[in-house]
Amino acid sequence: MGNSEAATVQSVDRALTILEVLARLGTAGVTEIAAELDVHKSTAFRLVSTLETHRLVEQAGDRGRYSLGVGLLRLAGATTARLDLVQEARPITRQLAADTGETVNITVRAEHAALYLDQVAGSSALQSHNWVGQHIPLHATSNGKVLLSELTPEELADVIGSLARFTPATITRKAQLREELERIREQGYALAVDELEVGLTAVAAPIRNAHGDIIASISVSGPTFRLSDERLDTVIEQCLAAAEEISHRLGWGLRQ
């Protein structure tokens, strides 16, 4: 690790320590913070000023003293929203897994990938691997394509770089991906047959918030030999119904 990289890591560590100090003390001045960090006051002031710029700390009522800022509430709110989504969806995902016998996942977009938030394995699931917390490609999965489907062309260009090939069926041309996303918007669901892994099929549907925005996706996945064309029609209907029920629980449709 180079000197500049080491200094950056040290600054991050000190900034996090400041937040911990303020959480413990409630309020603190720069002198107290410098003593806690064992650094010069000027160093402590620069760190506090940076945190204040991002609204992670703010000036308390007493001049020269600082407390935790409202920016932390925004960050905590994002985590709470995801936990609320999982909690609201869990009864539906369990029922969907029981009805289909396959694995059910809830994902959200995390920058340039889809992030697994929750997983329920059905009775027919072959693998017991837990994917919660892991990332998957957006362009090669049913969940990912649902999450991409309502992005503007500009947003899509920002999110999608080169399209990696995972199997012969993976979409690797952006024009083809745009056509696929248009089809998903029209039909309301996405399919991925052998696109991420040969022998794996998945169907996904959008989960919407109270404003109608797609905030997550729910999928049913299993071996291609079990999710045949004949059976897929039923699974698609079940997945769509589950997505709609979760969306209603989150307030979607109540204003329509």
Protein backbone atom coordinates (compact mmCIF):
# COMPACT_ATOMS: atom_id res chain seq x y z
CA MET A 1 0.00 0.00 0.00
CA GLY A 2 1.41 3.40 -1.02
CA ASN A 3 1.73 6.38 1.30
CA SER A 4 -1.23 8.25 -0.22
CA GLU A 5 -3.44 5.15 -0.07
CA ALA A 6 -2.43 4.52 3.54
CA ALA A 7 -3.21 8.15 4.40
CA THR A 8 -6.66 7.84 2.80
CA VAL A 9 -7.44 4.71 4.81
CA GLN A 10 -6.26 6.46 7.98
CA SER A 11 -8.49 9.46 7.26
CA VAL A 12 -11.50 7.20 6.75
CA ASP A 13 -10.74 5.41 10.01
CA ARG A 14 -10.47 8.72 11.86
CA ALA A 15 -13.71 10.03 10.32
CA LEU A 16 -15.57 6.93 11.47
CA THR A 17 -14.07 7.34 14.93
CA ILE A 18 -15.42 10.91 15.06
CA LEU A 19 -18.92 9.59 14.35
CA GLU A 20 -18.51 7.02 17.12
CA VAL A 21 -17.29 9.71 19.53
CA LEU A 22 -20.28 11.93 18.79
CA ALA A 23 -22.64 8.97 19.14
CA ARG A 24 -21.16 8.32 22.58
CA LEU A 25 -20.87 11.90 23.85
CA GLY A 26 -23.80 13.54 22.09
CA THR A 27 -21.83 16.70 21.36
CA ALA A 28 -18.12 17.49 21.31
CA GLY A 29 -15.81 20.31 20.36
CA VAL A 30 -12.81 20.08 18.07
CA THR A 31 -10.43 20.01 21.05
CA GLU A 32 -12.21 17.00 22.54
CA ILE A 33 -12.33 15.25 19.18
CA ALA A 34 -8.63 15.88 18.60
CA ALA A 35 -7.85 14.39 22.01
CA GLU A 36 -9.95 11.31 21.27
CA LEU A 37 -8.14 10.82 17.96
CA ASP A 38 -4.73 11.82 19.35
CA VAL A 39 -4.20 14.26 16.47
CA HIS A 40 -3.59 17.99 16.13
CA LYS A 41 -6.65 20.27 16.31
CA SER A 42 -6.16 21.35 12.69
CA THR A 43 -6.37 17.73 11.54
CA ALA A 44 -9.52 17.15 13.60
CA PHE A 45 -11.07 20.35 12.22
CA ARG A 46 -10.44 19.28 8.59
CA LEU A 47 -12.05 15.91 9.23
CA VAL A 48 -15.05 17.45 10.97
CA SER A 49 -15.46 20.01 8.19
CA THR A 50 -15.52 17.25 5.59
CA LEU A 51 -18.14 15.32 7.55
CA GLU A 52 -20.15 18.53 7.92
CA THR A 53 -20.06 19.09 4.15
CA HIS A 54 -21.75 15.70 3.73
CA ARG A 55 -24.17 16.54 6.58
CA LEU A 56 -22.94 13.60 8.62
CA VAL A 57 -22.18 16.00 11.47
CA GLU A 58 -23.62 19.43 12.20
CA GLN A 59 -23.00 22.36 14.52
CA ALA A 60 -24.80 21.87 17.80
CA GLY A 61 -26.56 24.65 19.69
CA ASP A 62 -23.37 25.55 21.52
CA ARG A 63 -20.98 27.34 19.21
CA GLY A 64 -17.97 25.27 18.22
CA ARG A 65 -19.57 21.98 19.22
CA TYR A 66 -20.75 19.27 16.87
CA SER A 67 -23.32 16.48 16.91
CA LEU A 68 -24.36 13.76 14.49
CA GLY A 69 -26.05 15.17 11.38
CA VAL A 70 -29.20 14.46 9.43
CA GLY A 71 -27.18 12.84 6.64
CA LEU A 72 -26.90 9.77 8.82
CA LEU A 73 -30.70 9.56 8.91
CA ARG A 74 -30.74 9.46 5.11
CA LEU A 75 -28.26 6.60 5.08
CA ALA A 76 -30.10 4.77 7.83
CA GLY A 77 -33.38 5.36 6.02
CA ALA A 78 -32.08 3.56 2.92
CA THR A 79 -31.23 0.53 5.05
CA THR A 80 -34.56 0.67 6.86
CA ALA A 81 -36.43 0.81 3.54
CA ARG A 82 -34.70 -2.37 2.40
CA LEU A 83 -35.47 -4.11 5.68
CA ASP A 84 -39.11 -3.02 5.38
CA LEU A 85 -39.23 -4.43 1.85
CA VAL A 86 -37.92 -7.81 2.99
CA GLN A 87 -40.32 -7.88 5.94
CA GLU A 88 -43.34 -7.01 3.82
CA ALA A 89 -42.35 -9.45 1.08
CA ARG A 90 -41.43 -12.44 3.24
CA PRO A 91 -44.94 -13.99 3.59
CA ILE A 92 -45.45 -13.70 -0.17
CA THR A 93 -42.01 -15.07 -1.09
CA ARG A 94 -42.55 -18.04 1.21
CA GLN A 95 -45.93 -18.77 -0.36
CA LEU A 96 -44.52 -18.39 -3.87
CA ALA A 97 -41.67 -20.78 -3.08
CA ALA A 98 -44.16 -23.26 -1.66
CA ASP A 99 -46.49 -22.96 -4.65
CA THR A 100 -43.76 -23.32 -7.28
CA GLY A 101 -41.30 -25.52 -5.41
CA GLU A 102 -38.51 -23.32 -6.78
CA THR A 103 -36.16 -20.69 -5.36
CA VAL A 104 -37.58 -17.18 -4.90
CA ASN A 105 -35.34 -14.12 -4.66
CA ILE A 106 -35.82 -10.42 -3.98
CA THR A 107 -33.21 -8.09 -5.52
CA VAL A 108 -32.53 -4.36 -5.80
CA ARG A 109 -30.16 -2.45 -8.05
CA ALA A 110 -26.82 -1.57 -6.48
CA GLU A 111 -24.91 0.61 -8.94
CA HIS A 112 -23.92 -1.68 -11.84
CA ALA A 113 -25.26 -4.96 -10.42
CA ALA A 114 -28.31 -6.51 -8.80
CA LEU A 115 -28.07 -7.22 -5.08
CA TYR A 116 -29.83 -10.17 -3.45
CA LEU A 117 -31.86 -8.97 -0.44
CA ASP A 118 -33.74 -12.15 0.41
CA GLN A 119 -34.04 -15.75 -0.71
CA VAL A 120 -36.50 -18.54 0.00
CA ALA A 121 -35.80 -22.04 -1.31
CA GLY A 122 -38.70 -24.16 -2.50
CA SER A 123 -39.09 -27.86 -1.88
CA SER A 124 -37.65 -28.76 -5.30
CA ALA A 125 -34.57 -26.50 -5.06
CA LEU A 126 -31.44 -28.46 -5.88
CA GLN A 127 -28.95 -26.16 -4.16
CA SER A 128 -28.94 -24.76 -0.64
CA HIS A 129 -26.48 -21.92 -1.35
CA ASN A 130 -27.62 -18.63 0.16
CA TRP A 131 -27.10 -15.74 -2.28
CA VAL A 132 -28.28 -12.98 0.07
CA GLY A 133 -25.82 -10.09 0.04
CA GLN A 134 -24.22 -11.14 -3.24
CA HIS A 135 -24.29 -9.30 -6.56
CA ILE A 136 -25.36 -10.60 -9.97
CA PRO A 137 -25.08 -9.12 -13.48
CA LEU A 138 -27.94 -6.91 -14.60
CA HIS A 139 -27.98 -7.82 -18.29
CA ALA A 140 -27.82 -11.61 -17.89
CA THR A 141 -30.52 -12.21 -15.28
CA SER A 142 -34.28 -11.83 -15.14
CA ASN A 143 -34.03 -9.77 -11.95
CA GLY A 144 -31.42 -7.49 -13.45
CA LYS A 145 -33.38 -6.90 -16.64
CA VAL A 146 -36.48 -5.94 -14.66
CA LEU A 147 -34.42 -3.43 -12.67
CA LEU A 148 -33.07 -1.96 -15.92
CA SER A 149 -36.41 -1.89 -17.71
CA GLU A 150 -37.62 1.56 -16.62
CA LEU A 151 -34.31 3.43 -16.79
CA THR A 152 -34.08 6.28 -19.27
CA PRO A 153 -31.64 5.85 -22.18
CA GLU A 154 -29.23 8.18 -20.37
CA GLU A 155 -29.49 6.25 -17.09
CA LEU A 156 -29.07 2.96 -18.94
CA ALA A 157 -25.91 4.24 -20.63
CA ASP A 158 -24.49 5.22 -17.24
CA VAL A 159 -25.28 1.85 -15.67
CA ILE A 160 -24.36 -0.53 -18.48
CA GLY A 161 -20.78 -0.83 -19.68
CA SER A 162 -19.51 -3.80 -21.65
CA LEU A 163 -21.87 -6.77 -21.60
CA ALA A 164 -19.95 -9.80 -20.42
CA ARG A 165 -20.77 -13.17 -21.98
CA PHE A 166 -21.54 -15.98 -19.53
CA THR A 167 -23.14 -18.49 -21.91
CA PRO A 168 -23.94 -18.63 -25.64
CA ALA A 169 -27.41 -17.25 -24.76
CA THR A 170 -26.16 -14.14 -22.89
CA ILE A 171 -27.15 -10.80 -24.42
CA THR A 172 -23.90 -9.05 -25.33
CA ARG A 173 -25.10 -6.34 -27.77
CA LYS A 174 -26.58 -3.15 -26.33
CA ALA A 175 -29.08 -2.82 -29.17
CA GLN A 176 -30.37 -6.30 -28.38
CA LEU A 177 -30.57 -5.44 -24.69
CA ARG A 178 -32.59 -2.31 -25.44
CA GLU A 179 -35.02 -4.41 -27.51
CA GLU A 180 -35.29 -6.90 -24.65
CA LEU A 181 -36.03 -4.13 -22.15
CA GLU A 182 -38.75 -2.74 -24.41
CA ARG A 183 -40.33 -6.20 -24.53
CA ILE A 184 -40.16 -6.42 -20.72
CA ARG A 185 -41.90 -3.06 -20.36
CA GLU A 186 -44.69 -4.25 -22.65
CA GLN A 187 -45.25 -7.68 -21.09
CA GLY A 188 -44.51 -6.75 -17.47
CA TYR A 189 -41.99 -9.46 -16.67
CA ALA A 190 -38.53 -10.71 -17.69
CA LEU A 191 -37.19 -14.13 -18.61
CA ALA A 192 -33.64 -15.42 -18.56
CA VAL A 193 -33.20 -18.88 -20.05
CA ASP A 194 -29.63 -20.23 -19.87
CA GLU A 195 -28.29 -16.64 -19.97
CA LEU A 196 -26.27 -16.58 -16.75
CA GLU A 197 -25.74 -20.30 -16.45
CA VAL A 198 -26.58 -23.11 -18.85
CA GLY A 199 -29.46 -25.09 -17.38
CA LEU A 200 -30.83 -22.22 -15.27
CA THR A 201 -34.11 -20.47 -16.04
CA ALA A 202 -35.65 -17.57 -14.13
CA VAL A 203 -38.67 -15.30 -14.42
CA ALA A 204 -38.86 -11.95 -12.62
CA ALA A 205 -41.46 -9.25 -12.09
CA PRO A 206 -41.19 -5.66 -10.81
CA ILE A 207 -41.96 -4.54 -7.27
CA ARG A 208 -43.19 -0.93 -7.17
CA ASN A 209 -43.41 1.68 -4.44
CA ALA A 210 -46.34 3.99 -3.72
CA HIS A 211 -45.31 6.24 -6.63
CA GLY A 212 -45.24 3.36 -9.11
CA ASP A 213 -41.45 3.31 -9.41
CA ILE A 214 -39.68 -0.03 -9.72
CA ILE A 215 -37.67 -0.38 -6.51
CA ALA A 216 -36.99 -4.13 -6.55
CA SER A 217 -37.70 -7.35 -8.39
CA ILE A 218 -38.93 -10.77 -7.38
CA SER A 219 -37.91 -13.90 -9.26
CA VAL A 220 -38.57 -17.61 -9.44
CA SER A 221 -35.61 -19.64 -10.65
CA GLY A 222 -34.88 -23.28 -11.19
CA PRO A 223 -33.45 -25.84 -13.60
CA THR A 224 -34.46 -25.29 -17.22
CA PHE A 225 -35.64 -28.88 -17.51
CA ARG A 226 -38.22 -28.23 -14.77
CA LEU A 227 -39.21 -24.75 -15.91
CA SER A 228 -40.28 -25.91 -19.36
CA ASP A 229 -42.27 -23.75 -21.76
CA GLU A 230 -45.49 -25.46 -20.66
CA ARG A 231 -44.86 -24.79 -16.97
CA LEU A 232 -43.44 -21.29 -17.42
CA ASP A 233 -46.84 -19.77 -18.24
CA THR A 234 -48.13 -20.75 -14.79
CA VAL A 235 -44.96 -19.65 -12.99
CA ILE A 236 -45.06 -16.27 -14.74
CA GLU A 237 -48.62 -15.70 -13.55
CA GLN A 238 -47.67 -16.69 -10.01
CA CYS A 239 -44.63 -14.40 -10.03
CA LEU A 240 -46.63 -11.46 -11.37
CA ALA A 241 -49.33 -11.96 -8.73
CA ALA A 242 -46.69 -12.07 -5.97
CA ALA A 243 -45.01 -8.90 -7.24
CA GLU A 244 -48.35 -7.11 -7.37
CA GLU A 245 -49.23 -8.18 -3.81
CA ILE A 246 -45.89 -6.96 -2.45
CA SER A 247 -46.29 -3.69 -4.35
CA HIS A 248 -49.75 -3.19 -2.83
CA ARG A 249 -48.27 -3.77 0.63
CA LEU A 250 -45.79 -0.99 -0.13
CA GLY A 251 -48.61 1.38 -1.12
CA TRP A 252 -48.65 0.97 -4.90
CA GLY A 253 -52.10 1.35 -6.40
CA LEU A 254 -53.59 3.04 -3.36
CA ARG A 255 -53.42 6.42 -5.13
CA GLN A 256 -54.70 5.19 -8.45
